[in-house]
N, C-alpha and C. Protein backbone atom coordinates (compact mmCIF):
# COMPACT_ATOMS: atom_id res chain seq x y z
N MET A 1 146.30 144.92 80.94
CA MET A 1 145.37 145.83 80.29
C MET A 1 145.57 145.81 78.78
N GLU A 2 146.82 145.62 78.37
CA GLU A 2 147.11 145.54 76.93
C GLU A 2 146.38 144.35 76.31
N ASP A 3 146.35 143.22 77.04
CA ASP A 3 145.70 142.03 76.52
C ASP A 3 144.21 142.25 76.34
N LEU A 4 143.60 142.99 77.25
CA LEU A 4 142.17 143.28 77.15
C LEU A 4 141.87 144.09 75.90
N TRP A 5 142.71 145.09 75.61
CA TRP A 5 142.51 145.90 74.41
C TRP A 5 142.72 145.07 73.15
N CYS A 6 143.67 144.15 73.17
CA CYS A 6 143.90 143.28 72.01
C CYS A 6 142.70 142.37 71.76
N VAL A 7 142.13 141.84 72.84
CA VAL A 7 140.95 140.99 72.71
C VAL A 7 139.76 141.81 72.21
N ALA A 8 139.57 142.99 72.76
CA ALA A 8 138.46 143.85 72.33
C ALA A 8 138.61 144.23 70.86
N LEU A 9 139.83 144.54 70.44
CA LEU A 9 140.07 144.89 69.04
C LEU A 9 139.81 143.69 68.13
N GLY A 10 140.21 142.51 68.58
CA GLY A 10 139.97 141.30 67.79
C GLY A 10 138.49 141.01 67.64
N VAL A 11 137.73 141.17 68.71
CA VAL A 11 136.28 140.95 68.66
C VAL A 11 135.63 141.97 67.73
N PHE A 12 136.05 143.22 67.82
CA PHE A 12 135.50 144.26 66.95
C PHE A 12 135.81 143.97 65.49
N GLN A 13 137.05 143.54 65.20
CA GLN A 13 137.42 143.22 63.82
C GLN A 13 136.60 142.05 63.28
N LEU A 14 136.37 141.04 64.11
CA LEU A 14 135.56 139.91 63.70
C LEU A 14 134.13 140.34 63.42
N TRP A 15 133.56 141.17 64.29
CA TRP A 15 132.20 141.66 64.10
C TRP A 15 132.10 142.47 62.80
N LEU A 16 133.09 143.33 62.57
CA LEU A 16 133.10 144.16 61.35
C LEU A 16 133.20 143.28 60.11
N PHE A 17 134.04 142.24 60.16
CA PHE A 17 134.17 141.32 59.04
C PHE A 17 132.85 140.62 58.75
N VAL A 18 132.17 140.15 59.80
CA VAL A 18 130.89 139.46 59.62
C VAL A 18 129.87 140.40 59.00
N VAL A 19 129.82 141.64 59.48
CA VAL A 19 128.85 142.61 58.94
C VAL A 19 129.14 142.87 57.47
N VAL A 20 130.39 143.12 57.14
CA VAL A 20 130.72 143.43 55.74
C VAL A 20 130.54 142.21 54.86
N PHE A 21 131.05 141.07 55.27
CA PHE A 21 131.06 139.90 54.40
C PHE A 21 129.69 139.26 54.25
N PHE A 22 128.89 139.20 55.32
CA PHE A 22 127.62 138.50 55.25
C PHE A 22 126.41 139.41 55.07
N ILE A 23 126.55 140.70 55.26
CA ILE A 23 125.40 141.60 55.13
C ILE A 23 125.62 142.63 54.02
N THR A 24 126.66 143.41 54.14
CA THR A 24 126.87 144.51 53.20
C THR A 24 127.23 144.03 51.80
N LEU A 25 128.16 143.11 51.70
CA LEU A 25 128.61 142.64 50.39
C LEU A 25 127.49 141.97 49.60
N PRO A 26 126.74 141.03 50.18
CA PRO A 26 125.61 140.47 49.42
C PRO A 26 124.56 141.51 49.05
N ALA A 27 124.32 142.48 49.95
CA ALA A 27 123.32 143.51 49.66
C ALA A 27 123.75 144.38 48.49
N MET A 28 125.05 144.58 48.32
CA MET A 28 125.53 145.39 47.20
C MET A 28 125.19 144.74 45.87
N PHE A 29 125.11 143.43 45.84
CA PHE A 29 124.81 142.70 44.60
C PHE A 29 123.36 142.24 44.53
N GLY A 30 122.54 142.72 45.43
CA GLY A 30 121.12 142.40 45.42
C GLY A 30 120.81 141.00 45.90
N LEU A 31 121.70 140.41 46.67
CA LEU A 31 121.49 139.06 47.18
C LEU A 31 121.00 139.12 48.62
N SER A 32 120.36 138.04 49.03
CA SER A 32 119.91 137.92 50.41
C SER A 32 120.28 136.54 50.91
N LEU A 33 120.73 136.46 52.13
CA LEU A 33 121.08 135.17 52.72
C LEU A 33 119.92 134.57 53.50
N GLY A 34 118.77 135.22 53.48
CA GLY A 34 117.59 134.69 54.15
C GLY A 34 117.51 135.01 55.63
N VAL A 35 118.38 135.85 56.12
CA VAL A 35 118.38 136.18 57.54
C VAL A 35 117.12 136.95 57.91
N THR A 36 116.68 137.85 57.04
CA THR A 36 115.50 138.64 57.33
C THR A 36 114.26 137.76 57.42
N GLY A 37 114.13 136.82 56.48
CA GLY A 37 112.98 135.92 56.50
C GLY A 37 112.95 135.07 57.75
N LEU A 38 114.10 134.57 58.16
CA LEU A 38 114.19 133.77 59.38
C LEU A 38 113.85 134.60 60.60
N TYR A 39 114.37 135.83 60.64
CA TYR A 39 114.08 136.74 61.75
C TYR A 39 112.58 137.01 61.86
N ILE A 40 111.93 137.23 60.73
CA ILE A 40 110.49 137.52 60.73
C ILE A 40 109.71 136.30 61.19
N GLN A 41 110.10 135.10 60.75
CA GLN A 41 109.41 133.88 61.19
C GLN A 41 109.52 133.70 62.70
N ILE A 42 110.70 133.93 63.24
CA ILE A 42 110.90 133.80 64.69
C ILE A 42 110.07 134.84 65.43
N LEU A 43 110.06 136.07 64.92
CA LEU A 43 109.30 137.14 65.56
C LEU A 43 107.80 136.84 65.54
N VAL A 44 107.28 136.31 64.45
CA VAL A 44 105.86 135.95 64.36
C VAL A 44 105.53 134.87 65.38
N LYS A 45 106.39 133.86 65.51
CA LYS A 45 106.15 132.78 66.48
C LYS A 45 106.11 133.34 67.91
N ILE A 46 107.03 134.24 68.22
CA ILE A 46 107.07 134.84 69.56
C ILE A 46 105.80 135.64 69.83
N LEU A 47 105.37 136.43 68.84
CA LEU A 47 104.16 137.25 69.03
C LEU A 47 102.91 136.39 69.13
N GLU A 48 102.83 135.29 68.38
CA GLU A 48 101.70 134.38 68.50
C GLU A 48 101.65 133.76 69.89
N TRP A 49 102.81 133.35 70.39
CA TRP A 49 102.89 132.77 71.73
C TRP A 49 102.43 133.78 72.78
N ALA A 50 102.89 135.02 72.66
CA ALA A 50 102.52 136.06 73.63
C ALA A 50 101.02 136.35 73.56
N THR A 51 100.46 136.37 72.37
CA THR A 51 99.03 136.62 72.21
C THR A 51 98.22 135.52 72.88
N LEU A 52 98.62 134.27 72.69
CA LEU A 52 97.91 133.16 73.32
C LEU A 52 97.99 133.25 74.85
N ARG A 53 99.13 133.63 75.37
CA ARG A 53 99.27 133.77 76.83
C ARG A 53 98.37 134.87 77.36
N ILE A 54 98.29 135.99 76.65
CA ILE A 54 97.42 137.09 77.08
C ILE A 54 95.97 136.66 77.04
N GLN A 55 95.57 135.98 75.96
CA GLN A 55 94.18 135.52 75.85
C GLN A 55 93.84 134.51 76.94
N ARG A 56 94.76 133.60 77.23
CA ARG A 56 94.53 132.61 78.27
C ARG A 56 94.43 133.29 79.64
N GLY A 57 95.24 134.31 79.87
CA GLY A 57 95.18 135.04 81.13
C GLY A 57 93.87 135.77 81.31
N ARG A 58 93.34 136.31 80.23
CA ARG A 58 92.05 137.00 80.32
C ARG A 58 90.91 136.03 80.58
N GLN A 59 91.00 134.83 80.01
CA GLN A 59 89.94 133.84 80.23
C GLN A 59 89.95 133.34 81.67
N GLU A 60 91.12 133.29 82.29
CA GLU A 60 91.23 132.78 83.65
C GLU A 60 90.85 133.81 84.70
N GLN A 61 90.72 135.08 84.33
CA GLN A 61 90.35 136.12 85.29
C GLN A 61 88.90 135.94 85.70
N PRO A 62 88.61 136.06 86.98
CA PRO A 62 87.21 135.99 87.40
C PRO A 62 86.45 137.23 86.91
N SER A 63 85.17 137.05 86.70
CA SER A 63 84.38 138.20 86.25
C SER A 63 84.26 139.21 87.38
N VAL A 64 84.29 140.46 87.03
CA VAL A 64 84.29 141.55 88.00
C VAL A 64 82.95 142.26 87.94
N PRO A 65 82.27 142.45 89.09
CA PRO A 65 80.99 143.17 89.04
C PRO A 65 81.20 144.64 88.69
N VAL A 66 80.36 145.12 87.80
CA VAL A 66 80.46 146.50 87.35
C VAL A 66 79.17 147.22 87.73
N PRO A 67 79.27 148.37 88.42
CA PRO A 67 78.04 149.09 88.79
C PRO A 67 77.41 149.74 87.56
N LEU A 68 76.11 149.62 87.44
CA LEU A 68 75.37 150.27 86.37
C LEU A 68 74.89 151.63 86.86
N PRO A 69 74.51 152.53 85.95
CA PRO A 69 74.05 153.85 86.38
C PRO A 69 72.83 153.81 87.30
N ASN A 70 72.00 152.75 87.22
CA ASN A 70 70.80 152.69 88.05
C ASN A 70 71.08 152.05 89.41
N GLY A 71 72.35 151.75 89.73
CA GLY A 71 72.70 151.22 91.04
C GLY A 71 72.78 149.71 91.09
N LEU A 72 72.38 149.03 90.02
CA LEU A 72 72.46 147.58 89.99
C LEU A 72 73.87 147.16 89.57
N PHE A 73 74.22 145.94 89.87
CA PHE A 73 75.53 145.41 89.50
C PHE A 73 75.34 144.33 88.45
N THR A 74 76.28 144.26 87.55
CA THR A 74 76.30 143.20 86.56
C THR A 74 77.73 142.68 86.47
N THR A 75 77.87 141.47 86.00
CA THR A 75 79.21 140.90 85.84
C THR A 75 79.59 140.99 84.38
N THR A 76 80.87 141.22 84.15
CA THR A 76 81.35 141.28 82.78
C THR A 76 82.30 140.12 82.55
N THR A 77 82.33 139.66 81.34
CA THR A 77 83.29 138.63 80.96
C THR A 77 84.18 139.21 79.88
N HIS A 78 85.45 138.92 79.99
CA HIS A 78 86.39 139.38 78.99
C HIS A 78 86.47 138.37 77.86
N LYS A 79 86.38 138.86 76.66
CA LYS A 79 86.46 137.97 75.49
C LYS A 79 87.69 138.28 74.70
């Protein structure tokens, strides 16, 4: 159990060092390592991919008949 706590403490110290050295310290001097820009680019790519999948799924859905107030049916297409 002692070894587990030593490993956990070591991982926490490493994480704290990374946060301070690569995020906090550069931010104190107004520097950026470009992590935010990279994160935003990845997020945009993921959202574009998801949007295309949703649009493709809507195009593949069969049209569903919708009752009109006068009792007639019409088909709708999703755009």
